[in-house]
Amino acid sequence: MRVYLPEPESFSRWALDRLVRERSLASVPADASVLLVRVGTRVDRRMLDAMPELRVVASATTGLDHIDDDECRKRGVQVLSLKGDTAFLSDLPNTAEHAFALLLALYRRLPAALADVFAGRWRQAPFRGSTLGGKCFGIVGYGRLGRIAGRIATGFGMDVLAYDPQPRCSPEPPVQCVGSLEELAARVDVLSLHADLNASNRAMIDARVFGHMRPGSVLLNTARGQLVDESALLEALETGTIAGAALDVICDESVFDEGNRLVAYARRNENLLLTPHIGGQTEEAVVAADKHILSKLENWCATNAC
């Protein structure tokens, strides 16, 4: 089989050593039967048109919003991913951990403090932050990552509330579930997103939700950018409706450039922190995901002759 790997830098050395990959990435190889991707590659009609021999797309991710699943189905192209592989995913806490890296950076004003050190100063008082203990941590999406985030928050001494529109919100004590997103937003100091993206929850964190949040509260998003109405977020930050936000994901990552309005705001204001979708990017997690998705791909190809 011929494998096309459009973003080799996103895969581990272990995976690259296993693959005979396309060296010239200037054009898509028309005779490739396997496409191996992460979120940096948009698998849309244009790419599929360029790969008429494609049999299978393997994505080492849980989210699939970068893949046009309907178009793949029409063409008989199989899509493999990590989605639903509960036993494997239960051992990967990295994205939930990153949410707390962002929260601590925001609460303790770490980027501003580091910039001050680089400017030749060694001060404490201007960077007095906030303590996690005693705050209320709110989870939107109480699935695998939401539950891991709840355990971490509990370890920091935070009270934890969760909301999930699915009937799966059976809490792990001392976590408590609430009945609506509005109730959650009104009761927490930190609103943290861990929900899967689907047609019913796009832009679910909108002006209405921000209006329910406490003035000193903050938003964390390590899930998918499309869960948040970014215009409403910027307005909430600019007006002081919320105190801050930290995002690992944004809406239009495939067309990102330095003129992005979130970046423009973050350059001028320290209450918005941005990282480039690195929640899943630990060495351990990338190697584990690569091994898992390549095993699924090899098993599929063994019975489907790709």
C-alpha atoms as a PDB file:
ATOM      1  CA  MET A   1       0.000   0.000   0.000  1.00  0.00           C
ATOM      2  CA  ARG A   2       1.095   3.580  -0.576  1.00  0.00           C
ATOM      3  CA  VAL A   3       0.564   5.903   2.395  1.00  0.00           C
ATOM      4  CA  TYR A   4       0.327   9.678   2.089  1.00  0.00           C
ATOM      5  CA  LEU A   5       1.332  11.539   5.251  1.00  0.00           C
ATOM      6  CA  PRO A   6       0.726  15.280   4.721  1.00  0.00           C
ATOM      7  CA  GLU A   7       1.821  16.377   8.216  1.00  0.00           C
ATOM      8  CA  PRO A   8       4.759  14.123   9.209  1.00  0.00           C
ATOM      9  CA  GLU A   9       5.846  16.551  11.915  1.00  0.00           C
ATOM     10  CA  SER A  10       2.681  15.654  13.856  1.00  0.00           C
ATOM     11  CA  PHE A  11       3.645  11.999  14.169  1.00  0.00           C
ATOM     12  CA  SER A  12       6.184  10.281  16.389  1.00  0.00           C
ATOM     13  CA  ARG A  13       9.573   9.053  15.232  1.00  0.00           C
ATOM     14  CA  TRP A  14       8.293   5.539  15.974  1.00  0.00           C
ATOM     15  CA  ALA A  15       5.494   5.995  13.434  1.00  0.00           C
ATOM     16  CA  LEU A  16       7.721   7.592  10.812  1.00  0.00           C
ATOM     17  CA  ASP A  17      10.173   4.716  11.077  1.00  0.00           C
ATOM     18  CA  ARG A  18       7.315   2.299  10.394  1.00  0.00           C
ATOM     19  CA  LEU A  19       6.089   4.060   7.275  1.00  0.00           C
ATOM     20  CA  VAL A  20       7.399   4.433   3.770  1.00  0.00           C
ATOM     21  CA  ARG A  21       6.056   7.931   3.348  1.00  0.00           C
ATOM     22  CA  GLU A  22       5.749  10.401   0.549  1.00  0.00           C
ATOM     23  CA  ARG A  23       8.870  12.572   0.650  1.00  0.00           C
ATOM     24  CA  SER A  24       7.686  15.359  -1.625  1.00  0.00           C
ATOM     25  CA  LEU A  25       4.657  17.011  -0.060  1.00  0.00           C
ATOM     26  CA  ALA A  26       4.216  19.655  -2.745  1.00  0.00           C
ATOM     27  CA  SER A  27       1.418  17.682  -4.361  1.00  0.00           C
ATOM     28  CA  VAL A  28      -0.936  14.945  -3.288  1.00  0.00           C
ATOM     29  CA  PRO A  29       0.037  11.545  -4.739  1.00  0.00           C
ATOM     30  CA  ALA A  30      -2.891  10.424  -6.877  1.00  0.00           C
ATOM     31  CA  ASP A  31      -2.095   6.729  -6.454  1.00  0.00           C
ATOM     32  CA  ALA A  32      -2.068   6.697  -2.634  1.00  0.00           C
ATOM     33  CA  SER A  33      -4.573   4.277  -1.128  1.00  0.00           C
ATOM     34  CA  VAL A  34      -4.078   5.320   2.514  1.00  0.00           C
ATOM     35  CA  LEU A  35      -4.203   8.813   4.011  1.00  0.00           C
ATOM     36  CA  LEU A  36      -2.811   9.211   7.542  1.00  0.00           C
ATOM     37  CA  VAL A  37      -3.638  12.512   9.231  1.00  0.00           C
ATOM     38  CA  ARG A  38      -4.145  14.527  12.382  1.00  0.00           C
ATOM     39  CA  VAL A  39      -6.193  17.707  12.825  1.00  0.00           C
ATOM     40  CA  GLY A  40      -3.802  19.797  10.710  1.00  0.00           C
ATOM     41  CA  THR A  41      -5.107  18.258   7.470  1.00  0.00           C
ATOM     42  CA  ARG A  42      -8.540  19.070   6.079  1.00  0.00           C
ATOM     43  CA  VAL A  43      -9.879  15.981   4.313  1.00  0.00           C
ATOM     44  CA  ASP A  44     -12.487  17.575   2.082  1.00  0.00           C
ATOM     45  CA  ARG A  45     -13.850  17.132  -1.433  1.00  0.00           C
ATOM     46  CA  ARG A  46     -10.816  18.854  -2.959  1.00  0.00           C
ATOM     47  CA  MET A  47      -8.354  16.466  -1.329  1.00  0.00           C
ATOM     48  CA  LEU A  48     -10.507  13.453  -2.094  1.00  0.00           C
ATOM     49  CA  ASP A  49     -10.749  14.502  -5.745  1.00  0.00           C
ATOM     50  CA  ALA A  50      -6.943  14.533  -5.872  1.00  0.00           C
ATOM     51  CA  MET A  51      -6.720  10.968  -4.521  1.00  0.00           C
ATOM     52  CA  PRO A  52      -8.965   8.762  -6.702  1.00  0.00           C
ATOM     53  CA  GLU A  53      -7.308   5.567  -5.453  1.00  0.00           C
ATOM     54  CA  LEU A  54      -7.897   6.360  -1.789  1.00  0.00           C
ATOM     55  CA  ARG A  55      -9.390   3.486   0.226  1.00  0.00           C
ATOM     56  CA  VAL A  56      -9.011   4.582   3.833  1.00  0.00           C
ATOM     57  CA  VAL A  57      -8.381   7.690   5.951  1.00  0.00           C
ATOM     58  CA  ALA A  58      -6.771   7.018   9.331  1.00  0.00           C
ATOM     59  CA  SER A  59      -6.831   9.928  11.786  1.00  0.00           C
ATOM     60  CA  ALA A  60      -4.936   9.672  15.062  1.00  0.00           C
ATOM     61  CA  THR A  61      -7.570  11.827  16.760  1.00  0.00           C
ATOM     62  CA  THR A  62     -10.866  11.490  18.605  1.00  0.00           C
ATOM     63  CA  GLY A  63     -12.497  14.511  16.952  1.00  0.00           C
ATOM     64  CA  LEU A  64     -13.326  14.222  13.247  1.00  0.00           C
ATOM     65  CA  ASP A  65     -14.468  17.736  12.307  1.00  0.00           C
ATOM     66  CA  HIS A  66     -11.446  18.001   9.972  1.00  0.00           C
ATOM     67  CA  ILE A  67     -12.831  15.141   7.848  1.00  0.00           C
ATOM     68  CA  ASP A  68     -15.832  15.376   5.537  1.00  0.00           C
ATOM     69  CA  ASP A  69     -17.327  12.078   6.627  1.00  0.00           C
ATOM     70  CA  ASP A  70     -20.309  12.307   4.255  1.00  0.00           C
ATOM     71  CA  GLU A  71     -18.059  12.798   1.248  1.00  0.00           C
ATOM     72  CA  CYS A  72     -15.864   9.881   2.309  1.00  0.00           C
ATOM     73  CA  ARG A  73     -18.943   7.682   2.659  1.00  0.00           C
ATOM     74  CA  LYS A  74     -20.179   8.602  -0.823  1.00  0.00           C
ATOM     75  CA  ARG A  75     -16.842   7.533  -2.299  1.00  0.00           C
ATOM     76  CA  GLY A  76     -16.580   4.339  -0.302  1.00  0.00           C
ATOM     77  CA  VAL A  77     -13.589   5.636   1.686  1.00  0.00           C
ATOM     78  CA  GLN A  78     -13.332   4.133   5.170  1.00  0.00           C
ATOM     79  CA  VAL A  79     -12.559   6.500   8.073  1.00  0.00           C
ATOM     80  CA  LEU A  80     -10.607   5.115  11.040  1.00  0.00           C
ATOM     81  CA  SER A  81      -9.936   7.126  14.189  1.00  0.00           C
ATOM     82  CA  LEU A  82      -9.547   6.895  17.962  1.00  0.00           C
ATOM     83  CA  LYS A  83     -13.163   7.905  18.545  1.00  0.00           C
ATOM     84  CA  GLY A  84     -14.983   5.443  20.768  1.00  0.00           C
ATOM     85  CA  ASP A  85     -11.873   3.440  21.678  1.00  0.00           C
ATOM     86  CA  THR A  86     -12.672   3.822  25.359  1.00  0.00           C
ATOM     87  CA  ALA A  87     -10.227   1.288  26.784  1.00  0.00           C
ATOM     88  CA  PHE A  88      -7.310   2.913  24.972  1.00  0.00           C
ATOM     89  CA  LEU A  89      -8.358   6.511  25.616  1.00  0.00           C
ATOM     90  CA  SER A  90      -8.906   5.982  29.347  1.00  0.00           C
ATOM     91  CA  ASP A  91      -5.139   6.018  29.818  1.00  0.00           C
ATOM     92  CA  LEU A  92      -4.638   9.395  28.069  1.00  0.00           C
ATOM     93  CA  PRO A  93      -5.203  12.328  30.461  1.00  0.00           C
ATOM     94  CA  ASN A  94      -3.036  14.813  28.531  1.00  0.00           C
ATOM     95  CA  THR A  95      -5.771  17.122  27.188  1.00  0.00           C
ATOM     96  CA  ALA A  96      -7.398  17.409  30.604  1.00  0.00           C
ATOM     97  CA  GLU A  97      -3.985  18.132  32.116  1.00  0.00           C
ATOM     98  CA  HIS A  98      -3.465  20.899  29.564  1.00  0.00           C
ATOM     99  CA  ALA A  99      -6.686  22.565  30.683  1.00  0.00           C
ATOM    100  CA  PHE A 100      -5.116  23.006  34.108  1.00  0.00           C
ATOM    101  CA  ALA A 101      -1.835  24.220  32.633  1.00  0.00           C
ATOM    102  CA  LEU A 102      -3.875  26.947  30.936  1.00  0.00           C
ATOM    103  CA  LEU A 103      -5.879  27.658  34.079  1.00  0.00           C
ATOM    104  CA  LEU A 104      -2.772  28.025  36.230  1.00  0.00           C
ATOM    105  CA  ALA A 105      -1.103  30.227  33.620  1.00  0.00           C
ATOM    106  CA  LEU A 106      -4.194  32.438  33.545  1.00  0.00           C
ATOM    107  CA  TYR A 107      -4.803  32.516  37.303  1.00  0.00           C
ATOM    108  CA  ARG A 108      -1.139  33.086  38.187  1.00  0.00           C
ATOM    109  CA  ARG A 109      -0.456  35.485  35.288  1.00  0.00           C
ATOM    110  CA  LEU A 110       2.545  33.457  34.179  1.00  0.00           C
ATOM    111  CA  PRO A 111       3.030  34.845  30.623  1.00  0.00           C
ATOM    112  CA  ALA A 112       3.006  38.433  31.903  1.00  0.00           C
ATOM    113  CA  ALA A 113       5.396  37.555  34.749  1.00  0.00           C
ATOM    114  CA  LEU A 114       7.807  35.865  32.336  1.00  0.00           C
ATOM    115  CA  ALA A 115       7.701  38.866  29.977  1.00  0.00           C
ATOM    116  CA  ASP A 116       8.495  41.114  32.940  1.00  0.00           C
ATOM    117  CA  VAL A 117      11.538  38.987  33.803  1.00  0.00           C
ATOM    118  CA  PHE A 118      12.692  39.165  30.170  1.00  0.00           C
ATOM    119  CA  ALA A 119      12.355  42.951  30.413  1.00  0.00           C
ATOM    120  CA  GLY A 120      14.940  42.919  33.228  1.00  0.00           C
ATOM    121  CA  ARG A 121      12.708  43.152  36.270  1.00  0.00           C
ATOM    122  CA  TRP A 122      12.181  40.839  39.248  1.00  0.00           C
ATOM    123  CA  ARG A 123       8.885  41.870  40.842  1.00  0.00           C
ATOM    124  CA  GLN A 124       6.192  40.060  42.797  1.00  0.00           C
ATOM    125  CA  ALA A 125       3.343  42.451  43.627  1.00  0.00           C
ATOM    126  CA  PRO A 126       2.216  43.188  40.031  1.00  0.00           C
ATOM    127  CA  PHE A 127       1.626  39.474  39.433  1.00  0.00           C
ATOM    128  CA  ARG A 128      -0.434  38.521  42.443  1.00  0.00           C
ATOM    129  CA  GLY A 129      -2.795  35.845  41.177  1.00  0.00           C
ATOM    130  CA  SER A 130      -5.589  33.631  42.428  1.00  0.00           C
ATOM    131  CA  THR A 131      -5.718  30.283  44.235  1.00  0.00           C
ATOM    132  CA  LEU A 132      -7.499  27.281  42.737  1.00  0.00           C
ATOM    133  CA  GLY A 133      -8.494  25.798  46.089  1.00  0.00           C
ATOM    134  CA  GLY A 134     -12.000  26.799  47.130  1.00  0.00           C
ATOM    135  CA  LYS A 135     -13.038  27.854  43.618  1.00  0.00           C
ATOM    136  CA  CYS A 136     -15.832  26.087  41.722  1.00  0.00           C
ATOM    137  CA  PHE A 137     -14.824  24.239  38.561  1.00  0.00           C
ATOM    138  CA  GLY A 138     -17.580  23.678  35.987  1.00  0.00           C
ATOM    139  CA  ILE A 139     -17.352  20.918  33.388  1.00  0.00           C
ATOM    140  CA  VAL A 140     -19.266  21.048  30.100  1.00  0.00           C
ATOM    141  CA  GLY A 141     -19.251  17.524  28.687  1.00  0.00           C
ATOM    142  CA  TYR A 142     -18.920  14.904  31.418  1.00  0.00           C
ATOM    143  CA  GLY A 143     -17.419  12.122  29.350  1.00  0.00           C
ATOM    144  CA  ARG A 144     -13.930  10.648  29.548  1.00  0.00           C
ATOM    145  CA  LEU A 145     -11.968  13.912  29.599  1.00  0.00           C
ATOM    146  CA  GLY A 146     -14.573  15.702  31.683  1.00  0.00           C
ATOM    147  CA  ARG A 147     -14.298  13.031  34.363  1.00  0.00           C
ATOM    148  CA  ILE A 148     -10.488  13.225  34.348  1.00  0.00           C
ATOM    149  CA  ALA A 149     -10.689  17.024  34.648  1.00  0.00           C
ATOM    150  CA  GLY A 150     -13.071  16.621  37.584  1.00  0.00           C
ATOM    151  CA  ARG A 151     -10.597  14.389  39.416  1.00  0.00           C
ATOM    152  CA  ILE A 152      -7.763  16.867  38.837  1.00  0.00           C
ATOM    153  CA  ALA A 153      -9.905  19.779  40.024  1.00  0.00           C
ATOM    154  CA  THR A 154     -10.840  17.848  43.152  1.00  0.00           C
ATOM    155  CA  GLY A 155      -7.137  17.280  43.797  1.00  0.00           C
ATOM    156  CA  PHE A 156      -6.618  21.044  43.756  1.00  0.00           C
ATOM    157  CA  GLY A 157      -9.313  21.433  46.402  1.00  0.00           C
ATOM    158  CA  MET A 158     -11.923  22.831  44.040  1.00  0.00           C
ATOM    159  CA  ASP A 159     -15.655  22.175  44.172  1.00  0.00           C
ATOM    160  CA  VAL A 160     -16.771  20.532  40.922  1.00  0.00           C
ATOM    161  CA  LEU A 161     -20.055  20.779  39.041  1.00  0.00           C
ATOM    162  CA  ALA A 162     -20.771  19.160  35.667  1.00  0.00           C
ATOM    163  CA  TYR A 163     -23.310  19.465  32.889  1.00  0.00           C
ATOM    164  CA  ASP A 164     -23.818  17.053  30.019  1.00  0.00           C
ATOM    165  CA  PRO A 165     -26.775  17.126  27.620  1.00  0.00           C
ATOM    166  CA  GLN A 166     -26.513  13.362  27.263  1.00  0.00           C
ATOM    167  CA  PRO A 167     -28.060  11.101  29.927  1.00  0.00           C
ATOM    168  CA  ARG A 168     -24.587   9.924  30.934  1.00  0.00           C
ATOM    169  CA  CYS A 169     -24.055  12.559  33.634  1.00  0.00           C
ATOM    170  CA  SER A 170     -23.803  10.142  36.541  1.00  0.00           C
ATOM    171  CA  PRO A 171     -21.317  11.952  38.763  1.00  0.00           C
ATOM    172  CA  GLU A 172     -18.268  10.551  40.491  1.00  0.00           C
ATOM    173  CA  PRO A 173     -18.401  11.892  44.080  1.00  0.00           C
ATOM    174  CA  PRO A 174     -17.761  14.609  45.079  1.00  0.00           C
ATOM    175  CA  VAL A 175     -18.715  15.925  41.611  1.00  0.00           C
ATOM    176  CA  GLN A 176     -22.327  17.043  41.273  1.00  0.00           C
ATOM    177  CA  CYS A 177     -24.323  17.273  38.039  1.00  0.00           C
ATOM    178  CA  VAL A 178     -26.604  20.217  37.270  1.00  0.00           C
ATOM    179  CA  GLY A 179     -29.609  20.300  34.968  1.00  0.00           C
ATOM    180  CA  SER A 180     -28.719  23.060  32.507  1.00  0.00           C
ATOM    181  CA  LEU A 181     -25.789  24.882  30.962  1.00  0.00           C
ATOM    182  CA  GLU A 182     -27.176  28.180  32.244  1.00  0.00           C
ATOM    183  CA  GLU A 183     -27.236  26.905  35.829  1.00  0.00           C
ATOM    184  CA  LEU A 184     -23.666  25.668  35.508  1.00  0.00           C
ATOM    185  CA  ALA A 185     -22.457  28.980  34.063  1.00  0.00           C
ATOM    186  CA  ALA A 186     -24.071  30.930  36.908  1.00  0.00           C
ATOM    187  CA  ARG A 187     -22.530  28.828  39.691  1.00  0.00           C
ATOM    188  CA  VAL A 188     -18.895  28.327  38.707  1.00  0.00           C
ATOM    189  CA  ASP A 189     -15.660  30.305  38.734  1.00  0.00           C
ATOM    190  CA  VAL A 190     -14.178  28.278  35.879  1.00  0.00           C
ATOM    191  CA  LEU A 191     -16.207  26.991  32.912  1.00  0.00           C
ATOM    192  CA  SER A 192     -14.183  24.263  31.177  1.00  0.00           C
ATOM    193  CA  LEU A 193     -15.245  22.670  27.881  1.00  0.00           C
ATOM    194  CA  HIS A 194     -14.733  18.928  27.321  1.00  0.00           C
ATOM    195  CA  ALA A 195     -17.641  18.155  24.977  1.00  0.00           C
ATOM    196  CA  ASP A 196     -17.538  16.482  21.577  1.00  0.00           C
ATOM    197  CA  LEU A 197     -18.524  18.759  18.694  1.00  0.00           C
ATOM    198  CA  ASN A 198     -21.800  17.929  16.955  1.00  0.00           C
ATOM    199  CA  ALA A 199     -24.555  19.675  15.020  1.00  0.00           C
ATOM    200  CA  SER A 200     -26.506  20.506  18.176  1.00  0.00           C
ATOM    201  CA  ASN A 201     -23.768  22.216  20.196  1.00  0.00           C
ATOM    202  CA  ARG A 202     -21.996  24.517  17.732  1.00  0.00           C
ATOM    203  CA  ALA A 203     -21.555  27.953  19.331  1.00  0.00           C
ATOM    204  CA  MET A 204     -23.248  26.668  22.498  1.00  0.00           C
ATOM    205  CA  ILE A 205     -21.118  29.058  24.565  1.00  0.00           C
ATOM    206  CA  ASP A 206     -22.715  32.258  23.311  1.00  0.00           C
ATOM    207  CA  ALA A 207     -23.724  35.676  24.613  1.00  0.00           C
ATOM    208  CA  ARG A 208     -26.571  34.125  26.587  1.00  0.00           C
ATOM    209  CA  VAL A 209     -24.195  31.794  28.447  1.00  0.00           C
ATOM    210  CA  PHE A 210     -21.639  34.553  29.037  1.00  0.00           C
ATOM    211  CA  GLY A 211     -24.477  36.636  30.462  1.00  0.00           C
ATOM    212  CA  HIS A 212     -25.043  33.972  33.129  1.00  0.00           C
ATOM    213  CA  MET A 213     -21.362  33.747  34.133  1.00  0.00           C
ATOM    214  CA  ARG A 214     -19.947  35.524  37.161  1.00  0.00           C
ATOM    215  CA  PRO A 215     -17.946  38.722  36.491  1.00  0.00           C
ATOM    216  CA  GLY A 216     -14.768  37.159  37.898  1.00  0.00           C
ATOM    217  CA  SER A 217     -15.134  33.830  36.103  1.00  0.00           C
ATOM    218  CA  VAL A 218     -13.021  32.416  33.271  1.00  0.00           C
ATOM    219  CA  LEU A 219     -13.543  30.135  30.278  1.00  0.00           C
ATOM    220  CA  LEU A 220     -11.282  27.222  29.291  1.00  0.00           C
ATOM    221  CA  ASN A 221     -11.588  25.436  25.952  1.00  0.00           C
ATOM    222  CA  THR A 222      -9.442  22.406  25.152  1.00  0.00           C
ATOM    223  CA  ALA A 223     -12.218  20.664  23.172  1.00  0.00           C
ATOM    224  CA  ARG A 224     -13.182  22.261  19.832  1.00  0.00           C
ATOM    225  CA  GLY A 225     -13.200  25.919  18.848  1.00  0.00           C
ATOM    226  CA  GLN A 226     -16.610  25.690  17.213  1.00  0.00           C
ATOM    227  CA  LEU A 227     -18.222  25.179  20.618  1.00  0.00           C
ATOM    228  CA  VAL A 228     -17.695  28.895  21.313  1.00  0.00           C
ATOM    229  CA  ASP A 229     -19.178  31.959  19.625  1.00  0.00           C
ATOM    230  CA  GLU A 230     -15.892  33.841  19.301  1.00  0.00           C
ATOM    231  CA  SER A 231     -17.529  37.236  18.706  1.00  0.00           C
ATOM    232  CA  ALA A 232     -19.511  36.834  21.916  1.00  0.00           C
ATOM    233  CA  LEU A 233     -16.345  35.756  23.749  1.00  0.00           C
ATOM    234  CA  LEU A 234     -14.429  38.837  22.642  1.00  0.00           C
ATOM    235  CA  GLU A 235     -17.310  41.072  23.691  1.00  0.00           C
ATOM    236  CA  ALA A 236     -17.477  39.345  27.089  1.00  0.00           C
ATOM    237  CA  LEU A 237     -13.750  39.911  27.597  1.00  0.00           C
ATOM    238  CA  GLU A 238     -13.793  43.515  26.396  1.00  0.00           C
ATOM    239  CA  THR A 239     -16.764  44.470  28.575  1.00  0.00           C
ATOM    240  CA  GLY A 240     -15.577  42.615  31.685  1.00  0.00           C
ATOM    241  CA  THR A 241     -18.541  40.237  31.601  1.00  0.00           C
ATOM    242  CA  ILE A 242     -15.962  37.533  32.335  1.00  0.00           C
ATOM    243  CA  ALA A 243     -12.464  37.974  33.724  1.00  0.00           C
ATOM    244  CA  GLY A 244     -10.529  35.884  31.221  1.00  0.00           C
ATOM    245  CA  ALA A 245     -10.257  32.938  28.886  1.00  0.00           C
ATOM    246  CA  ALA A 246      -7.649  30.388  27.835  1.00  0.00           C
ATOM    247  CA  LEU A 247      -8.083  28.511  24.564  1.00  0.00           C
ATOM    248  CA  ASP A 248      -6.204  25.610  23.024  1.00  0.00           C
ATOM    249  CA  VAL A 249      -8.595  25.546  20.061  1.00  0.00           C
ATOM    250  CA  ILE A 250     -10.219  28.130  17.788  1.00  0.00           C
ATOM    251  CA  CYS A 251     -12.904  27.987  15.111  1.00  0.00           C
ATOM    252  CA  ASP A 252     -10.902  28.259  11.890  1.00  0.00           C
ATOM    253  CA  GLU A 253      -7.631  26.517  12.584  1.00  0.00           C
ATOM    254  CA  SER A 254      -7.186  25.440   8.960  1.00  0.00           C
ATOM    255  CA  VAL A 255      -7.061  29.086   7.774  1.00  0.00           C
ATOM    256  CA  PHE A 256      -5.243  30.535  10.778  1.00  0.00           C
ATOM    257  CA  ASP A 257      -3.003  33.557  10.286  1.00  0.00           C
ATOM    258  CA  GLU A 258      -1.501  36.257  12.496  1.00  0.00           C
ATOM    259  CA  GLY A 259      -4.400  38.578  11.718  1.00  0.00           C
ATOM    260  CA  ASN A 260      -6.810  36.362  13.650  1.00  0.00           C
ATOM    261  CA  ARG A 261      -8.951  38.572  15.884  1.00  0.00           C
ATOM    262  CA  LEU A 262      -8.358  36.414  18.968  1.00  0.00           C
ATOM    263  CA  VAL A 263      -4.610  36.758  18.490  1.00  0.00           C
ATOM    264  CA  ALA A 264      -4.983  40.508  17.987  1.00  0.00           C
ATOM    265  CA  TYR A 265      -6.871  40.789  21.281  1.00  0.00           C
ATOM    266  CA  ALA A 266      -4.424  38.518  23.148  1.00  0.00           C
ATOM    267  CA  ARG A 267      -1.481  40.660  22.010  1.00  0.00           C
ATOM    268  CA  ARG A 268      -3.022  43.670  23.733  1.00  0.00           C
ATOM    269  CA  ASN A 269      -4.568  41.987  26.782  1.00  0.00           C
ATOM    270  CA  GLU A 270      -3.230  39.433  29.229  1.00  0.00           C
ATOM    271  CA  ASN A 271      -6.659  38.001  30.093  1.00  0.00           C
ATOM    272  CA  LEU A 272      -6.762  35.852  26.937  1.00  0.00           C
ATOM    273  CA  LEU A 273      -4.237  33.032  26.532  1.00  0.00           C
ATOM    274  CA  LEU A 274      -3.890  30.959  23.365  1.00  0.00           C
ATOM    275  CA  THR A 275      -2.041  27.739  22.592  1.00  0.00           C
ATOM    276  CA  PRO A 276      -2.034  26.052  19.135  1.00  0.00           C
ATOM    277  CA  HIS A 277      -4.114  22.916  19.795  1.00  0.00           C
ATOM    278  CA  ILE A 278      -1.391  21.160  21.784  1.00  0.00           C
ATOM    279  CA  GLY A 279      -3.560  19.523  24.437  1.00  0.00           C
ATOM    280  CA  GLY A 280      -2.865  16.095  22.989  1.00  0.00           C
ATOM    281  CA  GLN A 281       0.760  16.804  22.174  1.00  0.00           C
ATOM    282  CA  THR A 282       2.787  14.990  24.787  1.00  0.00           C
ATOM    283  CA  GLU A 283       5.481  12.550  23.696  1.00  0.00           C
ATOM    284  CA  GLU A 284       3.776   9.699  25.511  1.00  0.00           C
ATOM    285  CA  ALA A 285       0.336  10.427  24.068  1.00  0.00           C
ATOM    286  CA  VAL A 286       1.531  10.861  20.476  1.00  0.00           C
ATOM    287  CA  VAL A 287       3.465   7.584  20.483  1.00  0.00           C
ATOM    288  CA  ALA A 288       0.527   5.738  22.062  1.00  0.00           C
ATOM    289  CA  ALA A 289      -1.943   7.199  19.552  1.00  0.00           C
ATOM    290  CA  ASP A 290       0.341   6.399  16.620  1.00  0.00           C
ATOM    291  CA  LYS A 291       0.710   2.788  17.714  1.00  0.00           C
ATOM    292  CA  HIS A 292      -3.024   2.432  18.193  1.00  0.00           C
ATOM    293  CA  ILE A 293      -4.111   3.981  14.882  1.00  0.00           C
ATOM    294  CA  LEU A 294      -1.465   2.084  12.884  1.00  0.00           C
ATOM    295  CA  SER A 295      -2.603  -1.152  14.493  1.00  0.00           C
ATOM    296  CA  LYS A 296      -6.203  -0.381  13.454  1.00  0.00           C
ATOM    297  CA  LEU A 297      -5.033   0.515   9.964  1.00  0.00           C
ATOM    298  CA  GLU A 298      -2.995  -2.672   9.570  1.00  0.00           C
ATOM    299  CA  ASN A 299      -5.929  -4.774  10.762  1.00  0.00           C
ATOM    300  CA  TRP A 300      -8.299  -3.064   8.321  1.00  0.00           C
ATOM    301  CA  CYS A 301      -5.895  -3.422   5.420  1.00  0.00           C
ATOM    302  CA  ALA A 302      -5.326  -7.091   6.212  1.00  0.00           C
ATOM    303  CA  THR A 303      -8.977  -7.824   5.451  1.00  0.00           C
ATOM    304  CA  ASN A 304      -9.599  -5.165   2.789  1.00  0.00           C
ATOM    305  CA  ALA A 305      -6.462  -5.433   0.656  1.00  0.00           C
ATOM    306  CA  CYS A 306      -5.423  -1.803   0.628  1.00  0.00           C
END
